[in-house]
Amino acid sequence: MSDQKEPHENSSNSFLAFVVGGLVVAVGIIAWIMYGSDESGDVDINVDGGGDAADAVEDAAESVGDAADDVTDGDSTQ
């Protein structure tokens, strides 16, 4: 009868294992972010198939940029 364990010993060991496991995972994620990423840092995104819609958006952006330049220069021609 004196060899019985208290119920708190097993639960505290499980909690400690859970905390240590979480720390190991956190250190692994931080190491992957710090050392596993591409060194150049450049991102290249290409979208194929835009066609006429992409050209129209580009033209609209240029027109808006030109209008903004005209307004800031005080050369408003309407």
N, C-alpha and C. Protein backbone atom coordinates (compact mmCIF):
# COMPACT_ATOMS: atom_id res chain seq x y z
N MET A 1 0.79 -1.19 0.00
CA MET A 1 0.00 0.00 0.00
C MET A 1 0.84 1.26 0.00
N SER A 2 2.01 1.19 0.48
CA SER A 2 2.83 2.38 0.50
C SER A 2 3.49 2.64 -0.85
N ASP A 3 3.37 1.72 -1.82
CA ASP A 3 3.98 1.89 -3.14
C ASP A 3 3.06 2.60 -4.13
N GLN A 4 1.93 3.07 -3.70
CA GLN A 4 1.00 3.73 -4.62
C GLN A 4 1.50 5.14 -4.94
N LYS A 5 1.35 5.53 -6.23
CA LYS A 5 1.76 6.87 -6.66
C LYS A 5 0.60 7.84 -6.49
N GLU A 6 0.94 9.07 -6.28
CA GLU A 6 -0.08 10.09 -6.21
C GLU A 6 -0.51 10.44 -7.64
N PRO A 7 -1.76 10.81 -7.86
CA PRO A 7 -2.23 11.08 -9.21
C PRO A 7 -1.59 12.33 -9.85
N HIS A 8 -0.97 13.18 -9.07
CA HIS A 8 -0.40 14.42 -9.60
C HIS A 8 0.93 14.19 -10.33
N GLU A 9 1.64 13.15 -10.00
CA GLU A 9 2.94 12.92 -10.62
C GLU A 9 2.81 12.65 -12.11
N ASN A 10 1.89 11.84 -12.54
CA ASN A 10 1.73 11.49 -13.94
C ASN A 10 1.24 12.69 -14.76
N SER A 11 0.33 13.45 -14.22
CA SER A 11 -0.19 14.59 -14.97
C SER A 11 0.85 15.70 -15.12
N SER A 12 1.70 15.89 -14.11
CA SER A 12 2.73 16.92 -14.24
C SER A 12 3.80 16.50 -15.25
N ASN A 13 4.10 15.21 -15.35
CA ASN A 13 5.06 14.74 -16.34
C ASN A 13 4.48 14.90 -17.75
N SER A 14 3.21 14.67 -17.91
CA SER A 14 2.59 14.84 -19.23
C SER A 14 2.60 16.31 -19.64
N PHE A 15 2.32 17.18 -18.69
CA PHE A 15 2.34 18.61 -18.99
C PHE A 15 3.75 19.06 -19.36
N LEU A 16 4.75 18.58 -18.64
CA LEU A 16 6.13 18.94 -18.92
C LEU A 16 6.54 18.44 -20.31
N ALA A 17 6.14 17.24 -20.68
CA ALA A 17 6.44 16.70 -22.00
C ALA A 17 5.75 17.53 -23.08
N PHE A 18 4.53 17.97 -22.84
CA PHE A 18 3.81 18.81 -23.78
C PHE A 18 4.51 20.14 -23.98
N VAL A 19 4.96 20.76 -22.92
CA VAL A 19 5.65 22.05 -23.00
C VAL A 19 6.98 21.91 -23.73
N VAL A 20 7.76 20.87 -23.41
CA VAL A 20 9.04 20.65 -24.07
C VAL A 20 8.82 20.37 -25.56
N GLY A 21 7.81 19.60 -25.91
CA GLY A 21 7.49 19.33 -27.31
C GLY A 21 7.12 20.60 -28.05
N GLY A 22 6.34 21.45 -27.42
CA GLY A 22 5.98 22.73 -28.02
C GLY A 22 7.18 23.62 -28.25
N LEU A 23 8.10 23.65 -27.32
CA LEU A 23 9.32 24.44 -27.48
C LEU A 23 10.19 23.89 -28.63
N VAL A 24 10.26 22.57 -28.75
CA VAL A 24 11.03 21.98 -29.84
C VAL A 24 10.42 22.36 -31.19
N VAL A 25 9.11 22.29 -31.30
CA VAL A 25 8.44 22.67 -32.54
C VAL A 25 8.66 24.15 -32.83
N ALA A 26 8.55 25.00 -31.82
CA ALA A 26 8.74 26.44 -32.02
C ALA A 26 10.16 26.75 -32.50
N VAL A 27 11.16 26.12 -31.90
CA VAL A 27 12.55 26.33 -32.31
C VAL A 27 12.75 25.83 -33.74
N GLY A 28 12.14 24.72 -34.09
CA GLY A 28 12.23 24.20 -35.45
C GLY A 28 11.63 25.14 -36.47
N ILE A 29 10.49 25.72 -36.17
CA ILE A 29 9.85 26.67 -37.09
C ILE A 29 10.69 27.93 -37.24
N ILE A 30 11.21 28.44 -36.14
CA ILE A 30 12.05 29.64 -36.20
C ILE A 30 13.32 29.37 -37.01
N ALA A 31 13.93 28.19 -36.82
CA ALA A 31 15.13 27.84 -37.58
C ALA A 31 14.81 27.73 -39.07
N TRP A 32 13.67 27.16 -39.40
CA TRP A 32 13.29 27.03 -40.81
C TRP A 32 13.07 28.41 -41.44
N ILE A 33 12.45 29.32 -40.70
CA ILE A 33 12.22 30.67 -41.21
C ILE A 33 13.54 31.41 -41.39
N MET A 34 14.44 31.27 -40.43
CA MET A 34 15.70 32.01 -40.47
C MET A 34 16.67 31.45 -41.50
N TYR A 35 16.81 30.14 -41.59
CA TYR A 35 17.85 29.53 -42.39
C TYR A 35 17.36 28.79 -43.62
N GLY A 36 16.08 28.51 -43.70
CA GLY A 36 15.58 27.72 -44.81
C GLY A 36 15.02 28.53 -45.96
N SER A 37 15.00 29.83 -45.83
CA SER A 37 14.42 30.65 -46.88
C SER A 37 15.46 30.96 -47.95
N ASP A 38 14.98 31.46 -49.09
CA ASP A 38 15.85 31.84 -50.20
C ASP A 38 16.66 33.06 -49.81
N GLU A 39 17.94 33.03 -50.06
CA GLU A 39 18.84 34.11 -49.66
C GLU A 39 18.63 35.39 -50.47
N SER A 40 18.22 35.28 -51.72
CA SER A 40 18.12 36.47 -52.56
C SER A 40 16.97 37.37 -52.15
N GLY A 41 15.87 36.80 -51.72
CA GLY A 41 14.73 37.59 -51.31
C GLY A 41 13.92 38.13 -52.47
N ASP A 42 14.29 37.80 -53.70
CA ASP A 42 13.57 38.28 -54.87
C ASP A 42 12.35 37.40 -55.13
N VAL A 43 11.26 38.03 -55.49
CA VAL A 43 10.03 37.32 -55.81
C VAL A 43 9.69 37.64 -57.26
N ASP A 44 9.45 36.61 -58.05
CA ASP A 44 9.11 36.79 -59.45
C ASP A 44 7.76 36.12 -59.71
N ILE A 45 6.76 36.92 -60.04
CA ILE A 45 5.42 36.40 -60.27
C ILE A 45 5.03 36.71 -61.71
N ASN A 46 4.65 35.68 -62.44
CA ASN A 46 4.21 35.83 -63.83
C ASN A 46 2.79 35.31 -63.95
N VAL A 47 1.94 36.09 -64.59
CA VAL A 47 0.56 35.67 -64.84
C VAL A 47 0.38 35.63 -66.35
N ASP A 48 0.18 34.44 -66.87
CA ASP A 48 0.01 34.27 -68.31
C ASP A 48 -1.47 34.28 -68.65
N GLY A 49 -1.79 34.75 -69.83
CA GLY A 49 -3.17 34.69 -70.31
C GLY A 49 -3.97 35.93 -70.02
N GLY A 50 -3.35 37.03 -69.63
CA GLY A 50 -4.08 38.26 -69.36
C GLY A 50 -4.58 38.92 -70.62
N GLY A 51 -3.75 38.93 -71.64
CA GLY A 51 -4.11 39.45 -72.95
C GLY A 51 -4.56 40.89 -72.95
N ASP A 52 -5.70 41.15 -73.61
CA ASP A 52 -6.21 42.50 -73.78
C ASP A 52 -6.60 43.15 -72.45
N ALA A 53 -7.08 42.35 -71.52
CA ALA A 53 -7.49 42.90 -70.23
C ALA A 53 -6.29 43.48 -69.49
N ALA A 54 -5.17 42.78 -69.54
CA ALA A 54 -3.96 43.28 -68.87
C ALA A 54 -3.48 44.57 -69.52
N ASP A 55 -3.56 44.63 -70.85
CA ASP A 55 -3.16 45.86 -71.54
C ASP A 55 -4.07 47.03 -71.18
N ALA A 56 -5.36 46.75 -71.06
CA ALA A 56 -6.32 47.81 -70.71
C ALA A 56 -6.05 48.33 -69.30
N VAL A 57 -5.74 47.43 -68.37
CA VAL A 57 -5.44 47.86 -67.00
C VAL A 57 -4.16 48.69 -66.98
N GLU A 58 -3.16 48.27 -67.75
CA GLU A 58 -1.91 49.03 -67.80
C GLU A 58 -2.14 50.42 -68.38
N ASP A 59 -2.94 50.52 -69.44
CA ASP A 59 -3.24 51.82 -70.03
C ASP A 59 -4.02 52.71 -69.06
N ALA A 60 -4.95 52.12 -68.34
CA ALA A 60 -5.73 52.89 -67.36
C ALA A 60 -4.83 53.40 -66.24
N ALA A 61 -3.90 52.57 -65.79
CA ALA A 61 -2.99 52.99 -64.73
C ALA A 61 -2.10 54.13 -65.20
N GLU A 62 -1.64 54.06 -66.44
CA GLU A 62 -0.82 55.14 -66.98
C GLU A 62 -1.63 56.44 -67.09
N SER A 63 -2.90 56.33 -67.50
CA SER A 63 -3.75 57.52 -67.61
C SER A 63 -3.98 58.16 -66.26
N VAL A 64 -4.21 57.35 -65.25
CA VAL A 64 -4.42 57.88 -63.90
C VAL A 64 -3.14 58.53 -63.40
N GLY A 65 -2.00 57.91 -63.68
CA GLY A 65 -0.72 58.50 -63.27
C GLY A 65 -0.46 59.82 -63.96
N ASP A 66 -0.77 59.89 -65.26
CA ASP A 66 -0.61 61.15 -65.99
C ASP A 66 -1.53 62.23 -65.45
N ALA A 67 -2.77 61.87 -65.15
CA ALA A 67 -3.72 62.85 -64.59
C ALA A 67 -3.26 63.35 -63.24
N ALA A 68 -2.71 62.45 -62.42
CA ALA A 68 -2.21 62.87 -61.11
C ALA A 68 -1.02 63.81 -61.27
N ASP A 69 -0.16 63.54 -62.24
CA ASP A 69 0.97 64.44 -62.50
C ASP A 69 0.50 65.81 -62.96
N ASP A 70 -0.53 65.83 -63.81
CA ASP A 70 -1.07 67.09 -64.29
C ASP A 70 -1.65 67.92 -63.15
N VAL A 71 -2.34 67.26 -62.25
CA VAL A 71 -2.96 67.97 -61.12
C VAL A 71 -1.90 68.53 -60.20
N THR A 72 -0.86 67.75 -59.91
CA THR A 72 0.17 68.23 -58.99
C THR A 72 1.04 69.31 -59.64
N ASP A 73 1.13 69.30 -60.97
CA ASP A 73 1.91 70.33 -61.66
C ASP A 73 1.09 71.59 -61.90
N GLY A 74 -0.22 71.52 -61.68
CA GLY A 74 -1.08 72.67 -61.91
C GLY A 74 -1.44 72.83 -63.37
N ASP A 75 -1.24 71.79 -64.17
CA ASP A 75 -1.52 71.84 -65.60
C ASP A 75 -2.77 71.04 -65.90
N SER A 76 -3.90 71.46 -65.35
CA SER A 76 -5.14 70.74 -65.51
C SER A 76 -5.80 71.13 -66.81
N THR A 77 -5.90 70.20 -67.76
CA THR A 77 -6.54 70.45 -69.03
C THR A 77 -7.76 69.56 -69.13
N GLN A 78 -8.92 70.14 -68.92
CA GLN A 78 -10.16 69.34 -68.96
C GLN A 78 -11.04 69.82 -70.05
